[in-house]
Amino acid sequence: MTAGAIAANFDTARPTVSKHLQILTECQLLQQEQNGRKVYYHINATKMKEVADFIEPFRKMWDDRFNKLESIMKNYKPKK
């Protein structure tokens, strides 16, 4: 997709979307393809998988912590 097509899906200023696209491209999560005057952005699935694999242990940790917090809150009985 072009930057304009991507920005059309968000309720934010186009320069903001462009800045995010620039950062994602620098991180190699997106790849740019120049076609004439237009630049198309494509997801780099390999890098996305790398990030997902890195985040997974943290996701489990936070899920466990939130589940514990939820249990504590459900069982909480205020002292009178």
N, C-alpha and C. Protein backbone atom coordinates (compact mmCIF):
# COMPACT_ATOMS: atom_id res chain seq x y z
N MET A 1 0.84 -1.18 0.00
CA MET A 1 0.00 0.00 0.00
C MET A 1 0.89 1.24 0.00
N THR A 2 0.35 2.31 -0.52
CA THR A 2 1.05 3.59 -0.45
C THR A 2 0.81 4.22 0.92
N ALA A 3 1.62 5.23 1.24
CA ALA A 3 1.46 5.92 2.52
C ALA A 3 0.06 6.53 2.62
N GLY A 4 -0.43 7.09 1.53
CA GLY A 4 -1.76 7.70 1.52
C GLY A 4 -2.85 6.68 1.77
N ALA A 5 -2.73 5.52 1.15
CA ALA A 5 -3.73 4.45 1.35
C ALA A 5 -3.71 3.95 2.78
N ILE A 6 -2.53 3.86 3.35
CA ILE A 6 -2.41 3.42 4.74
C ILE A 6 -3.01 4.49 5.67
N ALA A 7 -2.66 5.76 5.42
CA ALA A 7 -3.13 6.86 6.27
C ALA A 7 -4.65 6.98 6.23
N ALA A 8 -5.26 6.62 5.12
CA ALA A 8 -6.72 6.72 4.99
C ALA A 8 -7.45 5.81 5.97
N ASN A 9 -6.76 4.81 6.51
CA ASN A 9 -7.37 3.87 7.45
C ASN A 9 -7.26 4.32 8.90
N PHE A 10 -6.65 5.47 9.13
CA PHE A 10 -6.43 5.94 10.50
C PHE A 10 -6.96 7.36 10.67
N ASP A 11 -7.40 7.66 11.86
CA ASP A 11 -7.90 8.99 12.18
C ASP A 11 -6.76 9.81 12.77
N THR A 12 -5.76 10.07 11.96
CA THR A 12 -4.60 10.83 12.40
C THR A 12 -4.02 11.56 11.18
N ALA A 13 -3.16 12.50 11.43
CA ALA A 13 -2.56 13.28 10.34
C ALA A 13 -1.63 12.41 9.53
N ARG A 14 -1.60 12.67 8.24
CA ARG A 14 -0.75 11.88 7.35
C ARG A 14 0.73 11.96 7.73
N PRO A 15 1.25 13.14 8.13
CA PRO A 15 2.66 13.17 8.55
C PRO A 15 2.96 12.22 9.72
N THR A 16 1.99 12.05 10.60
CA THR A 16 2.17 11.13 11.73
C THR A 16 2.30 9.71 11.21
N VAL A 17 1.44 9.32 10.28
CA VAL A 17 1.51 7.99 9.69
C VAL A 17 2.84 7.82 8.96
N SER A 18 3.25 8.84 8.21
CA SER A 18 4.52 8.77 7.48
C SER A 18 5.70 8.56 8.42
N LYS A 19 5.66 9.22 9.58
CA LYS A 19 6.73 9.05 10.56
C LYS A 19 6.76 7.61 11.08
N HIS A 20 5.59 7.05 11.35
CA HIS A 20 5.52 5.66 11.80
C HIS A 20 6.03 4.72 10.71
N LEU A 21 5.66 4.99 9.47
CA LEU A 21 6.13 4.15 8.36
C LEU A 21 7.65 4.22 8.24
N GLN A 22 8.20 5.41 8.44
CA GLN A 22 9.66 5.58 8.39
C GLN A 22 10.34 4.74 9.47
N ILE A 23 9.81 4.79 10.68
CA ILE A 23 10.38 4.03 11.80
C ILE A 23 10.27 2.53 11.53
N LEU A 24 9.10 2.09 11.08
CA LEU A 24 8.91 0.66 10.79
C LEU A 24 9.83 0.19 9.66
N THR A 25 10.08 1.07 8.71
CA THR A 25 11.00 0.74 7.62
C THR A 25 12.43 0.64 8.14
N GLU A 26 12.82 1.60 9.00
CA GLU A 26 14.17 1.57 9.59
C GLU A 26 14.39 0.30 10.41
N CYS A 27 13.32 -0.17 11.05
CA CYS A 27 13.40 -1.40 11.86
C CYS A 27 13.25 -2.65 11.01
N GLN A 28 13.10 -2.46 9.72
CA GLN A 28 12.96 -3.55 8.75
C GLN A 28 11.68 -4.36 8.93
N LEU A 29 10.67 -3.77 9.58
CA LEU A 29 9.38 -4.44 9.69
C LEU A 29 8.54 -4.19 8.45
N LEU A 30 8.87 -3.11 7.74
CA LEU A 30 8.26 -2.82 6.44
C LEU A 30 9.36 -2.71 5.40
N GLN A 31 9.01 -3.02 4.17
CA GLN A 31 9.94 -2.83 3.05
C GLN A 31 9.30 -1.86 2.07
N GLN A 32 10.12 -1.00 1.48
CA GLN A 32 9.63 -0.04 0.49
C GLN A 32 9.90 -0.55 -0.91
N GLU A 33 8.97 -0.26 -1.80
CA GLU A 33 9.16 -0.59 -3.22
C GLU A 33 8.77 0.63 -4.03
N GLN A 34 9.72 1.20 -4.74
CA GLN A 34 9.47 2.37 -5.58
C GLN A 34 8.90 1.88 -6.91
N ASN A 35 7.76 2.45 -7.30
CA ASN A 35 7.14 2.12 -8.59
C ASN A 35 6.73 3.44 -9.23
N GLY A 36 7.60 3.96 -10.08
CA GLY A 36 7.37 5.29 -10.64
C GLY A 36 7.52 6.32 -9.55
N ARG A 37 6.51 7.17 -9.39
CA ARG A 37 6.56 8.20 -8.36
C ARG A 37 6.01 7.72 -7.03
N LYS A 38 5.41 6.55 -7.02
CA LYS A 38 4.79 6.04 -5.80
C LYS A 38 5.71 5.09 -5.07
N VAL A 39 5.58 5.11 -3.74
CA VAL A 39 6.32 4.18 -2.89
C VAL A 39 5.27 3.28 -2.23
N TYR A 40 5.48 1.98 -2.38
CA TYR A 40 4.58 1.00 -1.79
C TYR A 40 5.28 0.35 -0.60
N TYR A 41 4.50 0.12 0.45
CA TYR A 41 5.03 -0.51 1.66
C TYR A 41 4.49 -1.93 1.75
N HIS A 42 5.39 -2.85 2.10
CA HIS A 42 5.04 -4.26 2.26
C HIS A 42 5.54 -4.72 3.62
N ILE A 43 4.77 -5.57 4.25
CA ILE A 43 5.18 -6.14 5.54
C ILE A 43 6.32 -7.13 5.30
N ASN A 44 7.32 -7.06 6.14
CA ASN A 44 8.43 -8.01 6.12
C ASN A 44 8.08 -9.12 7.12
N ALA A 45 7.45 -10.17 6.63
CA ALA A 45 6.94 -11.23 7.49
C ALA A 45 8.04 -11.89 8.32
N THR A 46 9.22 -12.01 7.77
CA THR A 46 10.33 -12.64 8.50
C THR A 46 10.67 -11.83 9.75
N LYS A 47 10.79 -10.52 9.60
CA LYS A 47 11.09 -9.66 10.76
C LYS A 47 9.94 -9.64 11.75
N MET A 48 8.69 -9.64 11.23
CA MET A 48 7.53 -9.65 12.12
C MET A 48 7.54 -10.92 12.97
N LYS A 49 7.90 -12.04 12.37
CA LYS A 49 7.97 -13.31 13.11
C LYS A 49 9.05 -13.23 14.17
N GLU A 50 10.18 -12.61 13.83
CA GLU A 50 11.27 -12.43 14.79
C GLU A 50 10.78 -11.65 16.01
N VAL A 51 10.06 -10.56 15.77
CA VAL A 51 9.53 -9.74 16.86
C VAL A 51 8.52 -10.52 17.68
N ALA A 52 7.61 -11.22 16.99
CA ALA A 52 6.60 -12.02 17.70
C ALA A 52 7.25 -13.08 18.58
N ASP A 53 8.28 -13.74 18.07
CA ASP A 53 8.99 -14.75 18.85
C ASP A 53 9.68 -14.13 20.07
N PHE A 54 10.22 -12.93 19.90
CA PHE A 54 10.89 -12.24 20.99
C PHE A 54 9.89 -11.84 22.07
N ILE A 55 8.72 -11.37 21.67
CA ILE A 55 7.71 -10.86 22.59
C ILE A 55 6.96 -11.97 23.33
N GLU A 56 6.87 -13.14 22.75
CA GLU A 56 6.03 -14.22 23.29
C GLU A 56 6.28 -14.53 24.77
N PRO A 57 7.52 -14.70 25.23
CA PRO A 57 7.71 -15.00 26.66
C PRO A 57 7.20 -13.86 27.56
N PHE A 58 7.31 -12.63 27.10
CA PHE A 58 6.82 -11.49 27.88
C PHE A 58 5.30 -11.47 27.90
N ARG A 59 4.68 -11.85 26.78
CA ARG A 59 3.22 -11.90 26.72
C ARG A 59 2.69 -12.89 27.76
N LYS A 60 3.32 -14.05 27.86
CA LYS A 60 2.89 -15.05 28.83
C LYS A 60 3.06 -14.51 30.25
N MET A 61 4.18 -13.86 30.50
CA MET A 61 4.44 -13.31 31.82
C MET A 61 3.35 -12.29 32.19
N TRP A 62 3.03 -11.37 31.28
CA TRP A 62 2.02 -10.35 31.56
C TRP A 62 0.63 -10.96 31.67
N ASP A 63 0.32 -11.94 30.84
CA ASP A 63 -0.96 -12.64 30.96
C ASP A 63 -1.10 -13.26 32.35
N ASP A 64 -0.05 -13.92 32.81
CA ASP A 64 -0.07 -14.53 34.14
C ASP A 64 -0.26 -13.48 35.23
N ARG A 65 0.43 -12.36 35.10
CA ARG A 65 0.32 -11.31 36.12
C ARG A 65 -1.07 -10.69 36.14
N PHE A 66 -1.63 -10.44 34.95
CA PHE A 66 -2.97 -9.87 34.90
C PHE A 66 -4.02 -10.86 35.40
N ASN A 67 -3.83 -12.14 35.12
CA ASN A 67 -4.75 -13.15 35.64
C ASN A 67 -4.70 -13.20 37.16
N LYS A 68 -3.50 -13.10 37.72
CA LYS A 68 -3.34 -13.11 39.17
C LYS A 68 -4.00 -11.87 39.77
N LEU A 69 -3.79 -10.72 39.15
CA LEU A 69 -4.40 -9.49 39.63
C LEU A 69 -5.92 -9.57 39.56
N GLU A 70 -6.44 -10.12 38.47
CA GLU A 70 -7.88 -10.27 38.33
C GLU A 70 -8.45 -11.17 39.43
N SER A 71 -7.75 -12.25 39.73
CA SER A 71 -8.19 -13.17 40.78
C SER A 71 -8.20 -12.47 42.13
N ILE A 72 -7.17 -11.71 42.42
CA ILE A 72 -7.09 -10.97 43.68
C ILE A 72 -8.25 -9.98 43.79
N MET A 73 -8.51 -9.27 42.69
CA MET A 73 -9.58 -8.27 42.71
C MET A 73 -10.96 -8.90 42.86
N LYS A 74 -11.17 -10.05 42.24
CA LYS A 74 -12.46 -10.73 42.35
C LYS A 74 -12.70 -11.25 43.76
N ASN A 75 -11.64 -11.65 44.44
CA ASN A 75 -11.76 -12.23 45.77
C ASN A 75 -11.59 -11.21 46.89
N TYR A 76 -11.37 -9.98 46.54
CA TYR A 76 -11.13 -8.94 47.54
C TYR A 76 -12.43 -8.61 48.28
N LYS A 77 -12.31 -8.58 49.56
CA LYS A 77 -13.43 -8.19 50.40
C LYS A 77 -12.95 -7.07 51.31
N PRO A 78 -13.52 -5.88 51.12
CA PRO A 78 -13.05 -4.74 51.92
C PRO A 78 -13.34 -4.95 53.42
N LYS A 79 -12.42 -4.47 54.22
CA LYS A 79 -12.62 -4.55 55.67
C LYS A 79 -13.56 -3.44 56.09
N LYS A 80 -14.43 -3.76 57.03
CA LYS A 80 -15.40 -2.76 57.51
C LYS A 80 -14.94 -2.11 58.77
